[in-house]
Protein backbone atom coordinates (compact mmCIF):
# COMPACT_ATOMS: atom_id res chain seq x y z
CA MET A 1 -8.83 -48.95 -72.33
CA SER A 2 -9.33 -47.39 -75.72
CA LYS A 3 -8.14 -43.99 -76.69
CA GLN A 4 -10.53 -41.20 -76.57
CA GLU A 5 -10.76 -39.17 -79.90
CA PRO A 6 -10.41 -35.49 -79.50
CA LEU A 7 -14.05 -33.60 -79.31
CA ARG A 8 -13.76 -31.32 -82.31
CA SER A 9 -17.26 -29.82 -82.46
CA LEU A 10 -20.28 -29.15 -80.45
CA SER A 11 -21.93 -32.22 -81.86
CA ASP A 12 -19.12 -34.25 -80.57
CA ILE A 13 -19.35 -32.82 -76.93
CA TYR A 14 -23.02 -33.10 -76.90
CA ARG A 15 -22.78 -36.90 -78.09
CA PHE A 16 -19.97 -37.48 -75.70
CA PHE A 17 -22.04 -36.21 -72.69
CA ARG A 18 -25.30 -37.78 -73.74
CA LYS A 19 -23.57 -41.25 -73.87
CA ASN A 20 -21.71 -40.67 -70.63
CA THR A 21 -22.05 -43.52 -68.15
CA THR A 22 -20.01 -41.78 -65.36
CA PRO A 23 -21.67 -39.83 -62.70
CA ILE A 24 -20.96 -36.15 -62.66
CA TYR A 25 -21.81 -34.33 -59.55
CA PHE A 26 -22.35 -30.56 -59.32
CA VAL A 27 -21.84 -29.34 -55.55
CA SER A 28 -22.67 -25.73 -54.98
CA PRO A 29 -25.04 -23.69 -52.67
CA THR A 30 -27.60 -23.39 -55.44
CA ALA A 31 -27.80 -24.87 -59.03
CA TYR A 32 -29.18 -21.57 -60.51
CA ASN A 33 -26.14 -20.70 -62.97
CA ILE A 34 -26.38 -24.13 -64.44
CA LEU A 35 -30.12 -24.94 -64.66
CA GLY A 36 -30.83 -27.17 -67.38
CA LEU A 37 -27.52 -28.78 -67.86
CA GLY A 38 -28.91 -32.18 -66.45
CA GLN A 39 -31.16 -32.34 -69.49
CA TRP A 40 -28.34 -33.12 -71.79
CA ILE A 41 -25.66 -34.46 -69.59
CA GLN A 42 -26.28 -38.27 -68.69
CA GLY A 43 -25.49 -39.04 -65.13
CA PHE A 44 -25.46 -35.33 -63.84
CA LYS A 45 -26.52 -34.74 -60.32
CA TYR A 46 -26.95 -31.70 -58.29
CA ILE A 47 -25.85 -31.47 -54.62
CA THR A 48 -27.13 -28.05 -53.18
CA HIS A 49 -27.69 -26.39 -50.21
CA PHE A 50 -30.79 -24.44 -51.49
CA ASP A 51 -33.28 -26.28 -53.66
CA SER A 52 -33.49 -24.16 -56.95
CA PHE A 53 -36.12 -26.68 -58.09
CA ASP A 54 -38.44 -26.66 -55.02
CA GLY A 55 -38.35 -30.31 -54.76
CA GLY A 56 -39.53 -30.78 -58.27
CA HIS A 57 -36.29 -32.31 -59.82
CA PHE A 58 -35.02 -35.95 -59.27
CA ARG A 59 -31.34 -35.23 -59.80
CA VAL A 60 -31.22 -32.86 -56.85
CA THR A 61 -29.98 -33.68 -53.45
CA ASN A 62 -30.36 -31.25 -50.59
CA PRO A 63 -29.07 -32.56 -47.22
CA ALA A 64 -31.43 -32.15 -44.22
CA GLN A 65 -30.35 -29.28 -42.02
CA ASN A 66 -30.84 -29.92 -38.17
CA THR A 67 -29.85 -26.46 -37.14
CA GLU A 68 -29.32 -23.00 -38.77
CA ARG A 69 -25.67 -22.73 -39.80
CA GLU A 70 -23.85 -19.37 -40.69
CA PHE A 71 -21.45 -19.91 -43.50
CA GLN A 72 -18.47 -17.50 -43.97
CA SER A 73 -18.25 -18.17 -47.73
CA MET A 74 -19.43 -20.32 -50.36
CA GLU A 75 -16.33 -22.47 -49.94
CA ASP A 76 -17.36 -23.17 -46.47
CA MET A 77 -20.86 -24.22 -47.70
CA VAL A 78 -19.50 -26.44 -50.50
CA ASN A 79 -17.21 -28.23 -47.81
CA TYR A 80 -20.14 -28.62 -45.48
CA LEU A 81 -22.06 -30.31 -48.36
CA LEU A 82 -19.14 -32.54 -49.13
CA SER A 83 -18.74 -33.73 -45.53
CA HIS A 84 -22.68 -34.04 -44.86
CA LYS A 85 -23.46 -37.90 -44.16
CA GLU A 86 -26.46 -37.60 -46.80
């Protein structure tokens, strides 16, 4: 494994994420606060409860809901998403 050089500038950071081959998942009730991030981070995927893209984004996964659930917190919702079979 080669030693990774430090990222010293925004250009270094941009280049690092554009060449990224490791999948990066964002798990949250919505993707609203990071909309557009998937455009410059290769391998970036959203797993959300609410579809901020209304079905129009190929990197978003929204697990099917069989019944209405009431969550007590965002943490409960994220734990539900992480444990969902889809």
